């Protein structure tokens, strides 16, 4: 169970960091607005089993 939660946490964190950096590069917006989607949580939860 902790492995699944860990993968979800790492996946969401990496996605938010990546989207904030890409938005900064694209729009030159210094607010670093990162985003993620709720439907990505089950996808990150399944990753340890693949």
N, C-alpha and C. Protein backbone atom coordinates (compact mmCIF):
# COMPACT_ATOMS: atom_id res chain seq x y z
N UNK A 1 0.82 -1.20 0.00
CA UNK A 1 0.00 0.00 0.00
C UNK A 1 0.86 1.26 0.00
N UNK A 2 1.94 1.24 0.79
CA UNK A 2 2.80 2.43 0.83
C UNK A 2 3.54 2.61 -0.48
N UNK A 3 3.80 1.52 -1.19
CA UNK A 3 4.45 1.62 -2.50
C UNK A 3 3.54 2.34 -3.49
N UNK A 4 2.26 2.02 -3.47
CA UNK A 4 1.31 2.65 -4.37
C UNK A 4 1.19 4.15 -4.04
N UNK A 5 1.08 4.48 -2.77
CA UNK A 5 0.98 5.88 -2.36
C UNK A 5 2.25 6.63 -2.73
N UNK A 6 3.39 5.98 -2.58
CA UNK A 6 4.66 6.59 -2.96
C UNK A 6 4.73 6.89 -4.45
N UNK A 7 4.29 5.94 -5.28
CA UNK A 7 4.29 6.16 -6.71
C UNK A 7 3.34 7.28 -7.10
N UNK A 8 2.18 7.34 -6.44
CA UNK A 8 1.23 8.43 -6.72
C UNK A 8 1.86 9.77 -6.35
N UNK A 9 2.46 9.85 -5.17
CA UNK A 9 3.07 11.09 -4.71
C UNK A 9 4.20 11.54 -5.64
N UNK A 10 5.07 10.63 -6.02
CA UNK A 10 6.19 10.97 -6.90
C UNK A 10 5.68 11.37 -8.28
N UNK A 11 4.69 10.65 -8.80
CA UNK A 11 4.16 10.96 -10.13
C UNK A 11 3.50 12.32 -10.19
N UNK A 12 2.67 12.62 -9.19
CA UNK A 12 2.00 13.92 -9.16
C UNK A 12 3.01 15.04 -8.99
N UNK A 13 3.98 14.84 -8.10
CA UNK A 13 5.01 15.85 -7.89
C UNK A 13 5.80 16.12 -9.15
N UNK A 14 6.21 15.07 -9.85
CA UNK A 14 6.98 15.25 -11.08
C UNK A 14 6.14 15.93 -12.16
N UNK A 15 4.86 15.58 -12.24
CA UNK A 15 4.00 16.19 -13.24
C UNK A 15 3.79 17.68 -12.97
N UNK A 16 3.59 18.05 -11.71
CA UNK A 16 3.41 19.46 -11.37
C UNK A 16 4.69 20.25 -11.65
N UNK A 17 5.83 19.70 -11.30
CA UNK A 17 7.10 20.38 -11.59
C UNK A 17 7.30 20.52 -13.09
N UNK A 18 7.05 19.46 -13.84
CA UNK A 18 7.24 19.51 -15.29
C UNK A 18 6.31 20.52 -15.95
N UNK A 19 5.03 20.52 -15.58
CA UNK A 19 4.10 21.45 -16.22
C UNK A 19 4.40 22.89 -15.83
N UNK A 20 4.87 23.13 -14.62
CA UNK A 20 5.21 24.51 -14.24
C UNK A 20 6.43 25.00 -15.00
N UNK A 21 7.42 24.14 -15.20
CA UNK A 21 8.60 24.54 -15.98
C UNK A 21 8.24 24.76 -17.44
N UNK A 22 7.42 23.89 -18.01
CA UNK A 22 7.03 24.06 -19.41
C UNK A 22 6.18 25.31 -19.61
N UNK A 23 5.29 25.63 -18.67
CA UNK A 23 4.52 26.87 -18.75
C UNK A 23 5.44 28.09 -18.65
N UNK A 24 6.45 28.02 -17.81
CA UNK A 24 7.39 29.13 -17.69
C UNK A 24 8.15 29.33 -19.00
N UNK A 25 8.59 28.24 -19.62
CA UNK A 25 9.32 28.35 -20.88
C UNK A 25 8.42 28.89 -21.98
N UNK A 26 7.19 28.42 -22.01
CA UNK A 26 6.26 28.82 -23.08
C UNK A 26 5.73 30.23 -22.90
N UNK A 27 5.28 30.57 -21.70
CA UNK A 27 4.58 31.84 -21.48
C UNK A 27 5.42 32.88 -20.75
N UNK A 28 6.60 32.50 -20.27
CA UNK A 28 7.44 33.40 -19.45
C UNK A 28 6.67 33.92 -18.24
N UNK A 29 5.88 33.05 -17.64
CA UNK A 29 5.07 33.41 -16.47
C UNK A 29 5.84 33.01 -15.21
N UNK A 30 6.28 33.98 -14.40
CA UNK A 30 7.11 33.64 -13.23
C UNK A 30 6.34 33.01 -12.07
N UNK A 31 5.03 32.83 -12.20
CA UNK A 31 4.24 32.25 -11.10
C UNK A 31 4.41 30.73 -10.99
N UNK A 32 4.95 30.08 -12.01
CA UNK A 32 5.18 28.63 -12.02
C UNK A 32 3.92 27.85 -11.66
N UNK A 33 2.89 28.04 -12.47
CA UNK A 33 1.62 27.36 -12.23
C UNK A 33 1.71 25.92 -12.74
N UNK A 34 1.84 24.98 -11.85
CA UNK A 34 1.84 23.57 -12.21
C UNK A 34 0.44 23.01 -12.08
N UNK A 35 0.16 21.96 -12.84
CA UNK A 35 -1.17 21.35 -12.77
C UNK A 35 -1.07 19.85 -12.99
N UNK A 36 -2.07 19.16 -12.54
CA UNK A 36 -2.20 17.74 -12.76
C UNK A 36 -3.68 17.42 -12.89
N UNK A 37 -3.99 16.20 -13.25
CA UNK A 37 -5.37 15.78 -13.44
C UNK A 37 -5.67 14.63 -12.48
N UNK A 38 -6.90 14.60 -11.98
CA UNK A 38 -7.28 13.53 -11.05
C UNK A 38 -7.24 12.15 -11.68
N UNK A 39 -7.50 12.07 -12.99
CA UNK A 39 -7.50 10.75 -13.63
C UNK A 39 -6.09 10.19 -13.77
N UNK A 40 -5.05 10.96 -13.44
CA UNK A 40 -3.69 10.44 -13.48
C UNK A 40 -3.35 9.64 -12.22
N UNK A 41 -4.09 9.84 -11.13
CA UNK A 41 -3.79 9.13 -9.88
C UNK A 41 -3.88 7.61 -10.04
N UNK A 42 -4.94 7.06 -10.67
CA UNK A 42 -4.96 5.60 -10.86
C UNK A 42 -3.86 5.12 -11.80
N UNK A 43 -3.49 5.94 -12.74
CA UNK A 43 -2.41 5.55 -13.67
C UNK A 43 -1.10 5.42 -12.91
N UNK A 44 -0.81 6.40 -12.04
CA UNK A 44 0.42 6.31 -11.23
C UNK A 44 0.33 5.15 -10.24
N UNK A 45 -0.85 4.82 -9.77
CA UNK A 45 -1.00 3.71 -8.81
C UNK A 45 -0.73 2.36 -9.46
N UNK A 46 -0.95 2.24 -10.75
CA UNK A 46 -0.78 0.96 -11.46
C UNK A 46 0.69 0.76 -11.88
N UNK A 47 1.46 1.82 -11.94
CA UNK A 47 2.86 1.73 -12.42
C UNK A 47 3.72 0.69 -11.73
N UNK A 48 3.63 0.50 -10.41
CA UNK A 48 4.49 -0.53 -9.80
C UNK A 48 4.20 -1.94 -10.28
N UNK A 49 3.00 -2.18 -10.80
CA UNK A 49 2.63 -3.52 -11.22
C UNK A 49 2.93 -3.81 -12.68
N UNK A 50 3.36 -2.79 -13.39
CA UNK A 50 3.65 -2.98 -14.84
C UNK A 50 5.07 -3.45 -15.02
